[in-house]
Amino acid sequence: MALISLLSLDASSQDKDWANLAKYAGDNKKLGAPAPGEKRVVFMGNSITEGWKIMDSAFFAGRPYIDRGISGQTTPQMLIRFRPDVIELKPAAVVILAGINDIAENTGPITLEAIFGNIVSMVQLAKANNIKVVMCSVLPANRFPWRPSILPAQKVIALNKMLLNYALQNKLVYVDYYSVMVDDQQGLPKKYAEDGIHPTLEGYKVMEGLVEEGIKKAMKKK
């Protein structure tokens, strides 16, 4: 399946451009500033976000939604590119979905506290630039096809608890994909992700309803 190969860990440009700042540089320049009255929303994430616009391009068509997901990325990489790929696009809101690749150790071992800290830093950058925040739970996962030695289920649960507590304490919108999509094995059922990680169209449809509700709530916040 072509999509799976696209969404697999891609380290081809990491040596020279570790955070892959070049990926969207041209698109960002072409995009320019939002039109008057445009409530632009940037989706920041990894392969799950990048694959979204491929699996369901209709979700982005006709909406002011900008997909800035990059396959394989971890939170330190996203934090580095948060300014050019989010802040400089002057969105009204940002949807942050991150952390699963950190748990998979795609860029090396990292503590849950450090993952959480990187996500919080993105939130703080957004708030400092008057961008509304939609914080998303990490999707369920009980295995990594590319790293079978790591058992992620309990780490996903623990990270989501940290994110939820932070969202509650700071009055942020929190979109809980996990509770709606998890199966009895603490993972994603095949109908939502054939490989256990990357959503199917049915999986994205579930996410779309949840995130759109989250975006509406975030836009109403002062």
N, C-alpha and C. Protein backbone atom coordinates (compact mmCIF):
# COMPACT_ATOMS: atom_id res chain seq x y z
N MET A 1 0.86 -1.20 0.00
CA MET A 1 0.00 0.00 0.00
C MET A 1 0.89 1.24 0.00
N ALA A 2 0.70 2.11 -0.98
CA ALA A 2 1.59 3.25 -1.16
C ALA A 2 1.60 4.17 0.04
N LEU A 3 0.44 4.34 0.67
CA LEU A 3 0.35 5.26 1.80
C LEU A 3 1.25 4.82 2.94
N ILE A 4 1.27 3.52 3.22
CA ILE A 4 2.07 3.03 4.34
C ILE A 4 3.55 3.32 4.11
N SER A 5 4.01 3.16 2.87
CA SER A 5 5.41 3.44 2.60
C SER A 5 5.71 4.92 2.80
N LEU A 6 4.76 5.77 2.45
CA LEU A 6 4.94 7.21 2.65
C LEU A 6 5.01 7.54 4.13
N LEU A 7 4.20 6.84 4.93
CA LEU A 7 4.08 7.18 6.34
C LEU A 7 5.14 6.53 7.22
N SER A 8 5.94 5.65 6.66
CA SER A 8 6.98 5.01 7.45
C SER A 8 8.06 6.02 7.80
N LEU A 9 8.90 5.66 8.78
CA LEU A 9 9.94 6.56 9.24
C LEU A 9 10.83 6.98 8.08
N ASP A 10 10.95 8.29 7.88
CA ASP A 10 11.74 8.84 6.78
C ASP A 10 12.86 9.70 7.35
N ALA A 11 14.09 9.17 7.31
CA ALA A 11 15.23 9.92 7.85
C ALA A 11 16.14 10.43 6.75
N SER A 12 15.63 10.44 5.50
CA SER A 12 16.49 10.73 4.36
C SER A 12 17.11 12.12 4.41
N SER A 13 16.41 13.10 5.01
CA SER A 13 16.94 14.47 5.01
C SER A 13 17.42 14.91 6.38
N GLN A 14 17.44 14.00 7.34
CA GLN A 14 17.72 14.41 8.71
C GLN A 14 19.15 14.87 8.93
N ASP A 15 20.10 14.33 8.16
CA ASP A 15 21.50 14.70 8.38
C ASP A 15 21.73 16.19 8.14
N LYS A 16 21.13 16.73 7.07
CA LYS A 16 21.36 18.13 6.71
C LYS A 16 20.26 19.05 7.22
N ASP A 17 19.09 18.53 7.42
CA ASP A 17 17.94 19.35 7.84
C ASP A 17 17.14 18.50 8.82
N TRP A 18 17.65 18.40 10.05
CA TRP A 18 17.13 17.45 11.03
C TRP A 18 15.64 17.63 11.28
N ALA A 19 15.17 18.85 11.33
CA ALA A 19 13.75 19.11 11.59
C ALA A 19 12.93 19.20 10.31
N ASN A 20 13.59 19.03 9.15
CA ASN A 20 12.93 19.10 7.84
C ASN A 20 12.21 20.44 7.64
N LEU A 21 12.92 21.50 7.95
CA LEU A 21 12.39 22.85 7.75
C LEU A 21 12.10 23.14 6.28
N ALA A 22 12.82 22.45 5.40
CA ALA A 22 12.67 22.72 3.97
C ALA A 22 11.37 22.16 3.40
N LYS A 23 10.78 21.17 4.06
CA LYS A 23 9.63 20.47 3.47
C LYS A 23 8.51 21.41 3.06
N TYR A 24 8.14 22.32 3.95
CA TYR A 24 7.01 23.20 3.67
C TYR A 24 7.42 24.64 3.38
N ALA A 25 8.72 24.89 3.26
CA ALA A 25 9.19 26.27 3.08
C ALA A 25 8.56 26.93 1.85
N GLY A 26 8.56 26.22 0.74
CA GLY A 26 7.98 26.77 -0.49
C GLY A 26 6.48 26.96 -0.37
N ASP A 27 5.79 25.98 0.20
CA ASP A 27 4.34 26.07 0.39
C ASP A 27 3.97 27.23 1.30
N ASN A 28 4.77 27.41 2.36
CA ASN A 28 4.50 28.50 3.30
C ASN A 28 4.62 29.86 2.62
N LYS A 29 5.64 29.97 1.78
CA LYS A 29 5.85 31.24 1.08
C LYS A 29 4.69 31.54 0.13
N LYS A 30 4.23 30.51 -0.58
CA LYS A 30 3.11 30.68 -1.51
C LYS A 30 1.81 31.00 -0.78
N LEU A 31 1.66 30.44 0.39
CA LEU A 31 0.41 30.58 1.14
C LEU A 31 0.15 32.03 1.52
N GLY A 32 1.18 32.69 1.99
CA GLY A 32 1.03 34.09 2.37
C GLY A 32 0.17 34.27 3.61
N ALA A 33 -0.21 35.50 3.88
CA ALA A 33 -1.00 35.83 5.06
C ALA A 33 -2.45 35.44 4.86
N PRO A 34 -3.18 35.20 5.95
CA PRO A 34 -4.60 34.87 5.82
C PRO A 34 -5.38 36.01 5.18
N ALA A 35 -6.40 35.65 4.43
CA ALA A 35 -7.28 36.67 3.85
C ALA A 35 -8.10 37.32 4.96
N PRO A 36 -8.60 38.52 4.75
CA PRO A 36 -9.43 39.17 5.77
C PRO A 36 -10.60 38.26 6.18
N GLY A 37 -10.74 38.06 7.47
CA GLY A 37 -11.81 37.22 7.97
C GLY A 37 -11.51 35.73 7.98
N GLU A 38 -10.36 35.33 7.42
CA GLU A 38 -10.01 33.91 7.38
C GLU A 38 -9.55 33.43 8.76
N LYS A 39 -10.17 32.39 9.26
CA LYS A 39 -9.79 31.79 10.53
C LYS A 39 -8.96 30.54 10.24
N ARG A 40 -7.72 30.77 9.88
CA ARG A 40 -6.83 29.68 9.48
C ARG A 40 -6.51 28.76 10.66
N VAL A 41 -6.45 27.47 10.38
CA VAL A 41 -6.10 26.47 11.40
C VAL A 41 -4.97 25.61 10.85
N VAL A 42 -3.86 25.54 11.59
CA VAL A 42 -2.73 24.70 11.19
C VAL A 42 -2.76 23.42 12.00
N PHE A 43 -2.61 22.30 11.31
CA PHE A 43 -2.49 21.00 11.95
C PHE A 43 -1.02 20.63 12.02
N MET A 44 -0.46 20.64 13.24
CA MET A 44 0.94 20.30 13.43
C MET A 44 1.04 18.85 13.92
N GLY A 45 1.88 18.06 13.26
CA GLY A 45 1.98 16.67 13.70
C GLY A 45 3.00 15.87 12.91
N ASN A 46 2.80 14.57 12.97
CA ASN A 46 3.71 13.61 12.34
C ASN A 46 3.03 12.92 11.15
N SER A 47 3.28 11.63 10.95
CA SER A 47 2.71 10.93 9.81
C SER A 47 1.19 10.81 9.89
N ILE A 48 0.66 10.76 11.11
CA ILE A 48 -0.79 10.68 11.26
C ILE A 48 -1.44 11.94 10.70
N THR A 49 -0.81 13.09 10.94
CA THR A 49 -1.31 14.34 10.39
C THR A 49 -0.99 14.45 8.90
N GLU A 50 0.21 14.08 8.50
CA GLU A 50 0.56 14.17 7.08
C GLU A 50 -0.34 13.26 6.24
N GLY A 51 -0.63 12.08 6.74
CA GLY A 51 -1.46 11.14 6.00
C GLY A 51 -2.90 11.55 5.89
N TRP A 52 -3.32 12.43 6.78
CA TRP A 52 -4.72 12.88 6.83
C TRP A 52 -5.15 13.50 5.51
N LYS A 53 -4.32 14.42 5.00
CA LYS A 53 -4.69 15.13 3.76
C LYS A 53 -4.63 14.20 2.55
N ILE A 54 -3.94 13.06 2.70
CA ILE A 54 -3.86 12.09 1.61
C ILE A 54 -5.06 11.14 1.65
N MET A 55 -5.35 10.64 2.83
CA MET A 55 -6.45 9.69 2.99
C MET A 55 -7.81 10.35 2.84
N ASP A 56 -7.93 11.61 3.27
CA ASP A 56 -9.22 12.30 3.18
C ASP A 56 -9.00 13.76 2.82
N SER A 57 -8.60 14.00 1.58
CA SER A 57 -8.32 15.37 1.14
C SER A 57 -9.58 16.23 1.19
N ALA A 58 -10.75 15.60 1.12
CA ALA A 58 -12.00 16.36 1.15
C ALA A 58 -12.18 17.09 2.48
N PHE A 59 -11.58 16.56 3.54
CA PHE A 59 -11.71 17.20 4.84
C PHE A 59 -11.05 18.58 4.84
N PHE A 60 -10.00 18.73 4.06
CA PHE A 60 -9.27 19.99 4.01
C PHE A 60 -9.80 20.93 2.92
N ALA A 61 -10.47 20.36 1.92
CA ALA A 61 -10.99 21.17 0.81
C ALA A 61 -12.10 22.09 1.30
N GLY A 62 -12.00 23.36 0.94
CA GLY A 62 -13.04 24.31 1.29
C GLY A 62 -13.00 24.79 2.73
N ARG A 63 -12.04 24.32 3.49
CA ARG A 63 -11.86 24.78 4.87
C ARG A 63 -10.50 25.47 4.98
N PRO A 64 -10.35 26.39 5.91
CA PRO A 64 -9.06 27.09 6.06
C PRO A 64 -8.07 26.27 6.89
N TYR A 65 -7.98 24.97 6.56
CA TYR A 65 -7.13 24.05 7.31
C TYR A 65 -5.82 23.82 6.55
N ILE A 66 -4.72 23.96 7.25
CA ILE A 66 -3.39 23.80 6.66
C ILE A 66 -2.71 22.62 7.34
N ASP A 67 -2.36 21.59 6.57
CA ASP A 67 -1.71 20.39 7.10
C ASP A 67 -0.20 20.58 7.10
N ARG A 68 0.41 20.49 8.27
CA ARG A 68 1.86 20.60 8.40
C ARG A 68 2.44 19.41 9.17
N GLY A 69 1.94 18.23 8.82
CA GLY A 69 2.48 17.01 9.39
C GLY A 69 3.69 16.52 8.60
N ILE A 70 4.65 15.91 9.30
CA ILE A 70 5.81 15.32 8.65
C ILE A 70 6.03 13.92 9.21
N SER A 71 6.06 12.96 8.31
CA SER A 71 6.21 11.56 8.68
C SER A 71 7.44 11.31 9.53
N GLY A 72 7.23 10.54 10.60
CA GLY A 72 8.34 10.10 11.43
C GLY A 72 8.79 11.09 12.49
N GLN A 73 8.23 12.29 12.49
CA GLN A 73 8.79 13.33 13.37
C GLN A 73 8.45 13.15 14.85
N THR A 74 9.37 13.64 15.66
CA THR A 74 9.22 13.64 17.11
C THR A 74 9.02 15.09 17.58
N THR A 75 8.67 15.24 18.85
CA THR A 75 8.35 16.59 19.36
C THR A 75 9.52 17.58 19.30
N PRO A 76 10.78 17.19 19.51
CA PRO A 76 11.84 18.20 19.36
C PRO A 76 11.95 18.73 17.94
N GLN A 77 11.70 17.87 16.97
CA GLN A 77 11.72 18.33 15.57
C GLN A 77 10.57 19.29 15.30
N MET A 78 9.39 18.95 15.81
CA MET A 78 8.23 19.83 15.62
C MET A 78 8.43 21.17 16.30
N LEU A 79 9.05 21.14 17.47
CA LEU A 79 9.30 22.39 18.20
C LEU A 79 10.21 23.31 17.40
N ILE A 80 11.21 22.75 16.75
CA ILE A 80 12.13 23.55 15.94
C ILE A 80 11.40 24.22 14.78
N ARG A 81 10.47 23.51 14.16
CA ARG A 81 9.80 24.09 13.00
C ARG A 81 8.46 24.74 13.34
N PHE A 82 8.15 24.89 14.62
CA PHE A 82 6.87 25.46 15.00
C PHE A 82 6.73 26.91 14.54
N ARG A 83 7.83 27.64 14.57
CA ARG A 83 7.74 29.05 14.15
C ARG A 83 7.45 29.17 12.65
N PRO A 84 8.26 28.56 11.75
CA PRO A 84 7.97 28.73 10.32
C PRO A 84 6.70 28.03 9.85
N ASP A 85 6.39 26.88 10.45
CA ASP A 85 5.27 26.08 9.96
C ASP A 85 3.95 26.37 10.67
N VAL A 86 4.00 27.14 11.74
CA VAL A 86 2.76 27.51 12.44
C VAL A 86 2.69 29.02 12.64
N ILE A 87 3.55 29.56 13.49
CA ILE A 87 3.43 30.96 13.89
C ILE A 87 3.46 31.92 12.70
N GLU A 88 4.39 31.69 11.77
CA GLU A 88 4.53 32.63 10.65
C GLU A 88 3.38 32.53 9.65
N LEU A 89 2.56 31.51 9.77
CA LEU A 89 1.38 31.40 8.91
C LEU A 89 0.19 32.19 9.47
N LYS A 90 0.37 32.72 10.68
CA LYS A 90 -0.63 33.57 11.33
C LYS A 90 -2.01 32.90 11.42
N PRO A 91 -2.06 31.67 11.96
CA PRO A 91 -3.36 31.02 12.09
C PRO A 91 -4.14 31.56 13.28
N ALA A 92 -5.45 31.32 13.24
CA ALA A 92 -6.27 31.61 14.41
C ALA A 92 -6.12 30.52 15.45
N ALA A 93 -5.83 29.30 14.99
CA ALA A 93 -5.69 28.17 15.91
C ALA A 93 -4.69 27.15 15.37
N VAL A 94 -4.16 26.35 16.28
CA VAL A 94 -3.28 25.25 15.91
C VAL A 94 -3.78 23.98 16.59
N VAL A 95 -3.76 22.90 15.84
CA VAL A 95 -4.10 21.57 16.37
C VAL A 95 -2.80 20.81 16.53
N ILE A 96 -2.46 20.44 17.76
CA ILE A 96 -1.20 19.75 18.04
C ILE A 96 -1.46 18.29 18.36
N LEU A 97 -0.93 17.41 17.51
CA LEU A 97 -1.03 15.97 17.71
C LEU A 97 0.38 15.41 17.62
N ALA A 98 0.96 15.05 18.76
CA ALA A 98 2.37 14.69 18.79
C ALA A 98 2.68 13.74 19.94
N GLY A 99 3.78 13.01 19.81
CA GLY A 99 4.28 12.22 20.92
C GLY A 99 4.48 10.75 20.65
N ILE A 100 3.74 10.18 19.70
CA ILE A 100 3.84 8.73 19.50
C ILE A 100 5.22 8.33 18.97
N ASN A 101 5.80 9.14 18.09
CA ASN A 101 7.12 8.79 17.55
C ASN A 101 8.23 8.97 18.58
N ASP A 102 8.01 9.84 19.55
CA ASP A 102 8.97 9.97 20.66
C ASP A 102 8.97 8.67 21.46
N ILE A 103 7.77 8.15 21.74
CA ILE A 103 7.65 6.89 22.48
C ILE A 103 8.30 5.76 21.69
N ALA A 104 8.23 5.84 20.36
CA ALA A 104 8.89 4.84 19.51
C ALA A 104 10.40 5.07 19.40
N GLU A 105 10.87 6.15 20.01
CA GLU A 105 12.30 6.50 20.02
C GLU A 105 12.86 6.72 18.61
N ASN A 106 12.05 7.37 17.76
CA ASN A 106 12.49 7.62 16.38
C ASN A 106 13.75 8.47 16.31
N THR A 107 13.92 9.40 17.26
CA THR A 107 15.14 10.21 17.28
C THR A 107 15.94 9.93 18.56
N GLY A 108 15.76 8.75 19.11
CA GLY A 108 16.52 8.33 20.29
C GLY A 108 15.67 8.30 21.54
N PRO A 109 16.21 7.71 22.60
CA PRO A 109 15.48 7.62 23.86
C PRO A 109 15.11 9.00 24.40
N ILE A 110 13.92 9.10 25.00
CA ILE A 110 13.44 10.36 25.56
C ILE A 110 12.44 10.04 26.65
N THR A 111 12.45 10.81 27.71
CA THR A 111 11.52 10.58 28.81
C THR A 111 10.14 11.14 28.47
N LEU A 112 9.13 10.63 29.15
CA LEU A 112 7.79 11.17 28.97
C LEU A 112 7.74 12.63 29.39
N GLU A 113 8.49 12.99 30.41
CA GLU A 113 8.53 14.37 30.88
C GLU A 113 9.09 15.29 29.80
N ALA A 114 10.08 14.82 29.07
CA ALA A 114 10.67 15.64 28.01
C ALA A 114 9.71 15.78 26.82
N ILE A 115 9.01 14.69 26.50
CA ILE A 115 7.99 14.75 25.43
C ILE A 115 6.93 15.77 25.82
N PHE A 116 6.43 15.63 27.02
CA PHE A 116 5.41 16.54 27.54
C PHE A 116 5.91 17.98 27.50
N GLY A 117 7.14 18.19 27.93
CA GLY A 117 7.72 19.53 27.94
C GLY A 117 7.80 20.15 26.56
N ASN A 118 8.13 19.35 25.55
CA ASN A 118 8.18 19.88 24.18
C ASN A 118 6.79 20.29 23.69
N ILE A 119 5.79 19.51 24.03
CA ILE A 119 4.42 19.86 23.63
C ILE A 119 3.98 21.12 24.36
N VAL A 120 4.29 21.22 25.64
CA VAL A 120 3.96 22.43 26.40
C VAL A 120 4.66 23.65 25.79
N SER A 121 5.89 23.49 25.36
CA SER A 121 6.61 24.61 24.73
C SER A 121 5.91 25.07 23.47
N MET A 122 5.38 24.13 22.68
CA MET A 122 4.62 24.51 21.49
C MET A 122 3.36 25.27 21.88
N VAL A 123 2.69 24.80 22.92
CA VAL A 123 1.50 25.49 23.41
C VAL A 123 1.84 26.91 23.84
N GLN A 124 2.92 27.05 24.58
CA GLN A 124 3.31 28.37 25.07
C GLN A 124 3.68 29.31 23.93
N LEU A 125 4.36 28.80 22.92
CA LEU A 125 4.68 29.61 21.75
C LEU A 125 3.40 30.08 21.05
N ALA A 126 2.45 29.17 20.92
CA ALA A 126 1.18 29.53 20.29
C ALA A 126 0.47 30.62 21.07
N LYS A 127 0.36 30.43 22.37
CA LYS A 127 -0.36 31.39 23.20
C LYS A 127 0.33 32.76 23.19
N ALA A 128 1.65 32.76 23.15
CA ALA A 128 2.39 34.02 23.12
C ALA A 128 2.15 34.79 21.83
N ASN A 129 1.68 34.06 20.80
CA ASN A 129 1.40 34.69 19.50
C ASN A 129 -0.10 34.76 19.20
N ASN A 130 -0.89 34.69 20.28
CA ASN A 130 -2.35 34.83 20.17
C ASN A 130 -2.99 33.80 19.24
N ILE A 131 -2.45 32.58 19.29
CA ILE A 131 -2.99 31.46 18.51
C ILE A 131 -3.72 30.53 19.46
N LYS A 132 -4.98 30.25 19.18
CA LYS A 132 -5.74 29.32 20.00
C LYS A 132 -5.16 27.92 19.87
N VAL A 133 -5.25 27.15 20.94
CA VAL A 133 -4.62 25.82 20.96
C VAL A 133 -5.67 24.73 21.10
N VAL A 134 -5.56 23.72 20.24
CA VAL A 134 -6.32 22.48 20.37
C VAL A 134 -5.30 21.37 20.64
N MET A 135 -5.25 20.93 21.89
CA MET A 135 -4.30 19.88 22.28
C MET A 135 -4.98 18.52 22.12
N CYS A 136 -4.32 17.61 21.43
CA CYS A 136 -4.90 16.30 21.15
C CYS A 136 -4.21 15.20 21.92
N SER A 137 -5.00 14.23 22.35
CA SER A 137 -4.42 13.03 22.95
C SER A 137 -3.65 12.26 21.89
N VAL A 138 -2.67 11.50 22.34
CA VAL A 138 -2.00 10.55 21.46
C VAL A 138 -2.98 9.42 21.18
N LEU A 139 -3.00 8.93 19.95
CA LEU A 139 -3.87 7.81 19.61
C LEU A 139 -3.40 6.54 20.31
N PRO A 140 -4.31 5.60 20.55
CA PRO A 140 -3.90 4.33 21.17
C PRO A 140 -2.86 3.62 20.31
N ALA A 141 -1.95 2.93 20.97
CA ALA A 141 -0.95 2.11 20.27
C ALA A 141 -0.44 1.05 21.23
N ASN A 142 -0.41 -0.18 20.78
CA ASN A 142 0.17 -1.25 21.61
C ASN A 142 1.33 -1.95 20.94
N ARG A 143 1.71 -1.46 19.75
CA ARG A 143 2.89 -2.01 19.07
C ARG A 143 3.33 -1.05 17.99
N PHE A 144 4.60 -1.14 17.62
CA PHE A 144 5.15 -0.37 16.51
C PHE A 144 5.66 -1.35 15.46
N PRO A 145 5.10 -1.36 14.27
CA PRO A 145 5.57 -2.28 13.23
C PRO A 145 7.06 -2.14 12.93
N TRP A 146 7.58 -0.90 13.05
CA TRP A 146 9.00 -0.66 12.74
C TRP A 146 9.91 -0.80 13.96
N ARG A 147 9.34 -0.98 15.15
CA ARG A 147 10.15 -1.11 16.35
C ARG A 147 9.43 -2.03 17.35
N PRO A 148 9.38 -3.32 17.02
CA PRO A 148 8.59 -4.27 17.82
C PRO A 148 9.09 -4.49 19.23
N SER A 149 10.32 -4.10 19.53
CA SER A 149 10.86 -4.32 20.88
C SER A 149 10.26 -3.36 21.91
N ILE A 150 9.65 -2.26 21.44
CA ILE A 150 9.06 -1.27 22.35
C ILE A 150 7.58 -1.55 22.53
N LEU A 151 7.14 -1.56 23.78
CA LEU A 151 5.73 -1.76 24.11
C LEU A 151 5.16 -0.41 24.56
N PRO A 152 4.37 0.24 23.72
CA PRO A 152 4.00 1.63 23.98
C PRO A 152 2.74 1.87 24.80
N ALA A 153 1.91 0.88 25.00
CA ALA A 153 0.55 1.12 25.52
C ALA A 153 0.52 1.94 26.81
N GLN A 154 1.31 1.54 27.80
CA GLN A 154 1.26 2.23 29.09
C GLN A 154 1.87 3.63 29.01
N LYS A 155 2.87 3.80 28.17
CA LYS A 155 3.46 5.14 28.00
C LYS A 155 2.48 6.09 27.33
N VAL A 156 1.71 5.58 26.38
CA VAL A 156 0.69 6.41 25.74
C VAL A 156 -0.33 6.87 26.76
N ILE A 157 -0.78 5.94 27.60
CA ILE A 157 -1.76 6.28 28.65
C ILE A 157 -1.19 7.33 29.60
N ALA A 158 0.06 7.15 30.01
CA ALA A 158 0.68 8.08 30.95
C ALA A 158 0.87 9.47 30.34
N LEU A 159 1.30 9.52 29.08
CA LEU A 159 1.49 10.81 28.42
C LEU A 159 0.15 11.52 28.25
N ASN A 160 -0.87 10.79 27.88
CA ASN A 160 -2.19 11.40 27.72
C ASN A 160 -2.71 11.96 29.04
N LYS A 161 -2.42 11.28 30.13
CA LYS A 161 -2.84 11.79 31.44
C LYS A 161 -2.15 13.12 31.75
N MET A 162 -0.87 13.22 31.40
CA MET A 162 -0.13 14.46 31.60
C MET A 162 -0.71 15.59 30.75
N LEU A 163 -1.03 15.27 29.50
CA LEU A 163 -1.58 16.28 28.60
C LEU A 163 -2.97 16.74 29.05
N LEU A 164 -3.80 15.80 29.47
CA LEU A 164 -5.14 16.15 29.94
C LEU A 164 -5.07 17.04 31.18
N ASN A 165 -4.23 16.68 32.13
CA ASN A 165 -4.09 17.48 33.35
C ASN A 165 -3.63 18.89 33.03
N TYR A 166 -2.68 19.00 32.11
CA TYR A 166 -2.19 20.33 31.72
C TYR A 166 -3.29 21.14 31.05
N ALA A 167 -4.05 20.48 30.18
CA ALA A 167 -5.14 21.17 29.49
C ALA A 167 -6.19 21.67 30.49
N LEU A 168 -6.52 20.84 31.46
CA LEU A 168 -7.50 21.24 32.47
C LEU A 168 -6.99 22.41 33.32
N GLN A 169 -5.73 22.32 33.72
CA GLN A 169 -5.15 23.36 34.57
C GLN A 169 -5.03 24.69 33.84
N ASN A 170 -4.85 24.63 32.52
CA ASN A 170 -4.63 25.85 31.74
C ASN A 170 -5.80 26.22 30.84
N LYS A 171 -6.94 25.55 31.08
CA LYS A 171 -8.17 25.87 30.35
C LYS A 171 -7.97 25.80 28.83
N LEU A 172 -7.30 24.73 28.39
CA LEU A 172 -7.11 24.49 26.96
C LEU A 172 -8.14 23.49 26.46
N VAL A 173 -8.46 23.56 25.19
CA VAL A 173 -9.31 22.55 24.57
C VAL A 173 -8.49 21.28 24.39
N TYR A 174 -9.04 20.17 24.86
CA TYR A 174 -8.37 18.87 24.76
C TYR A 174 -9.26 17.93 23.96
N VAL A 175 -8.73 17.42 22.86
CA VAL A 175 -9.47 16.48 22.02
C VAL A 175 -9.01 15.07 22.35
N ASP A 176 -9.93 14.27 22.87
CA ASP A 176 -9.61 12.93 23.36
C ASP A 176 -9.91 11.88 22.28
N TYR A 177 -8.95 11.69 21.38
CA TYR A 177 -9.08 10.62 20.40
C TYR A 177 -9.00 9.25 21.08
N TYR A 178 -8.14 9.19 22.09
CA TYR A 178 -7.81 7.90 22.70
C TYR A 178 -9.05 7.15 23.17
N SER A 179 -9.85 7.77 24.01
CA SER A 179 -10.98 7.07 24.64
C SER A 179 -12.00 6.57 23.63
N VAL A 180 -12.15 7.32 22.53
CA VAL A 180 -13.14 6.96 21.52
C VAL A 180 -12.64 5.83 20.61
N MET A 181 -11.33 5.75 20.41
CA MET A 181 -10.78 4.83 19.40
C MET A 181 -10.12 3.58 19.97
N VAL A 182 -9.83 3.53 21.26
CA VAL A 182 -9.07 2.42 21.84
C VAL A 182 -9.88 1.12 21.83
N ASP A 183 -9.18 -0.01 21.66
CA ASP A 183 -9.83 -1.32 21.73
C ASP A 183 -9.48 -2.01 23.04
N ASP A 184 -9.88 -3.26 23.19
CA ASP A 184 -9.66 -3.96 24.45
C ASP A 184 -8.23 -4.43 24.65
N GLN A 185 -7.37 -4.15 23.66
CA GLN A 185 -5.94 -4.47 23.77
C GLN A 185 -5.10 -3.21 23.97
N GLN A 186 -5.75 -2.11 24.28
CA GLN A 186 -5.10 -0.80 24.46
C GLN A 186 -4.39 -0.33 23.20
N GLY A 187 -4.97 -0.71 22.06
CA GLY A 187 -4.44 -0.28 20.77
C GLY A 187 -5.55 0.21 19.88
N LEU A 188 -5.25 0.34 18.59
CA LEU A 188 -6.24 0.74 17.60
C LEU A 188 -6.76 -0.50 16.89
N PRO A 189 -8.07 -0.67 16.80
CA PRO A 189 -8.61 -1.80 16.04
C PRO A 189 -8.30 -1.65 14.56
N LYS A 190 -8.32 -2.76 13.83
CA LYS A 190 -7.95 -2.73 12.42
C LYS A 190 -8.85 -1.82 11.59
N LYS A 191 -10.10 -1.66 12.00
CA LYS A 191 -10.97 -0.77 11.23
C LYS A 191 -10.51 0.68 11.29
N TYR A 192 -9.78 1.02 12.35
CA TYR A 192 -9.26 2.38 12.50
C TYR A 192 -7.81 2.52 12.07
N ALA A 193 -7.05 1.42 12.05
CA ALA A 193 -5.64 1.47 11.65
C ALA A 193 -5.17 0.06 11.34
N GLU A 194 -4.97 -0.22 10.08
CA GLU A 194 -4.59 -1.58 9.69
C GLU A 194 -3.25 -2.01 10.28
N ASP A 195 -2.34 -1.05 10.42
CA ASP A 195 -1.02 -1.38 10.97
C ASP A 195 -0.92 -1.06 12.46
N GLY A 196 -2.04 -0.63 13.05
CA GLY A 196 -2.05 -0.32 14.48
C GLY A 196 -1.59 1.08 14.83
N ILE A 197 -1.18 1.86 13.84
CA ILE A 197 -0.66 3.21 14.10
C ILE A 197 -1.31 4.25 13.19
N HIS A 198 -1.30 4.02 11.90
CA HIS A 198 -1.74 5.03 10.92
C HIS A 198 -3.21 4.82 10.57
N PRO A 199 -4.04 5.83 10.80
CA PRO A 199 -5.48 5.67 10.62
C PRO A 199 -5.90 5.31 9.19
N THR A 200 -6.94 4.51 9.13
CA THR A 200 -7.66 4.27 7.89
C THR A 200 -8.59 5.46 7.65
N LEU A 201 -9.29 5.45 6.52
CA LEU A 201 -10.26 6.51 6.27
C LEU A 201 -11.32 6.53 7.37
N GLU A 202 -11.74 5.35 7.81
CA GLU A 202 -12.73 5.28 8.89
C GLU A 202 -12.19 5.89 10.18
N GLY A 203 -10.91 5.64 10.44
CA GLY A 203 -10.28 6.23 11.61
C GLY A 203 -10.24 7.74 11.54
N TYR A 204 -9.87 8.25 10.37
CA TYR A 204 -9.83 9.71 10.20
C TYR A 204 -11.22 10.32 10.33
N LYS A 205 -12.23 9.64 9.85
CA LYS A 205 -13.60 10.16 9.97
C LYS A 205 -13.99 10.35 11.44
N VAL A 206 -13.58 9.41 12.28
CA VAL A 206 -13.84 9.55 13.72
C VAL A 206 -13.10 10.77 14.26
N MET A 207 -11.84 10.92 13.88
CA MET A 207 -11.02 12.03 14.35
C MET A 207 -11.58 13.37 13.89
N GLU A 208 -12.10 13.40 12.68
CA GLU A 208 -12.58 14.66 12.10
C GLU A 208 -13.72 15.27 12.91
N GLY A 209 -14.68 14.43 13.29
CA GLY A 209 -15.78 14.94 14.09
C GLY A 209 -15.31 15.50 15.42
N LEU A 210 -14.37 14.80 16.04
CA LEU A 210 -13.84 15.24 17.33
C LEU A 210 -13.04 16.52 17.22
N VAL A 211 -12.17 16.60 16.23
CA VAL A 211 -11.30 17.77 16.13
C VAL A 211 -12.08 19.01 15.69
N GLU A 212 -13.09 18.83 14.84
CA GLU A 212 -13.88 19.99 14.44
C GLU A 212 -14.63 20.58 15.63
N GLU A 213 -15.11 19.71 16.51
CA GLU A 213 -15.76 20.20 17.72
C GLU A 213 -14.75 20.95 18.59
N GLY A 214 -13.53 20.40 18.67
CA GLY A 214 -12.47 21.06 19.43
C GLY A 214 -12.10 22.41 18.85
N ILE A 215 -12.02 22.50 17.54
CA ILE A 215 -11.68 23.77 16.89
C ILE A 215 -12.76 24.82 17.19
N LYS A 216 -14.02 24.41 17.10
CA LYS A 216 -15.12 25.34 17.40
C LYS A 216 -15.02 25.87 18.83
N LYS A 217 -14.72 24.99 19.76
CA LYS A 217 -14.59 25.40 21.17
C LYS A 217 -13.42 26.36 21.35
N ALA A 218 -12.31 26.05 20.69
CA ALA A 218 -11.12 26.90 20.82
C ALA A 218 -11.37 28.29 20.26
N MET A 219 -12.06 28.36 19.14
CA MET A 219 -12.32 29.65 18.51
C MET A 219 -13.20 30.55 19.37
N LYS A 220 -14.02 29.96 20.22
CA LYS A 220 -14.91 30.73 21.09
C LYS A 220 -14.20 31.28 22.33
N LYS A 221 -13.01 30.71 22.62
CA LYS A 221 -12.29 31.16 23.82
C LYS A 221 -11.71 32.55 23.62
N LYS A 222 -11.70 33.34 24.70
CA LYS A 222 -11.15 34.69 24.63
C LYS A 222 -9.67 34.68 24.96
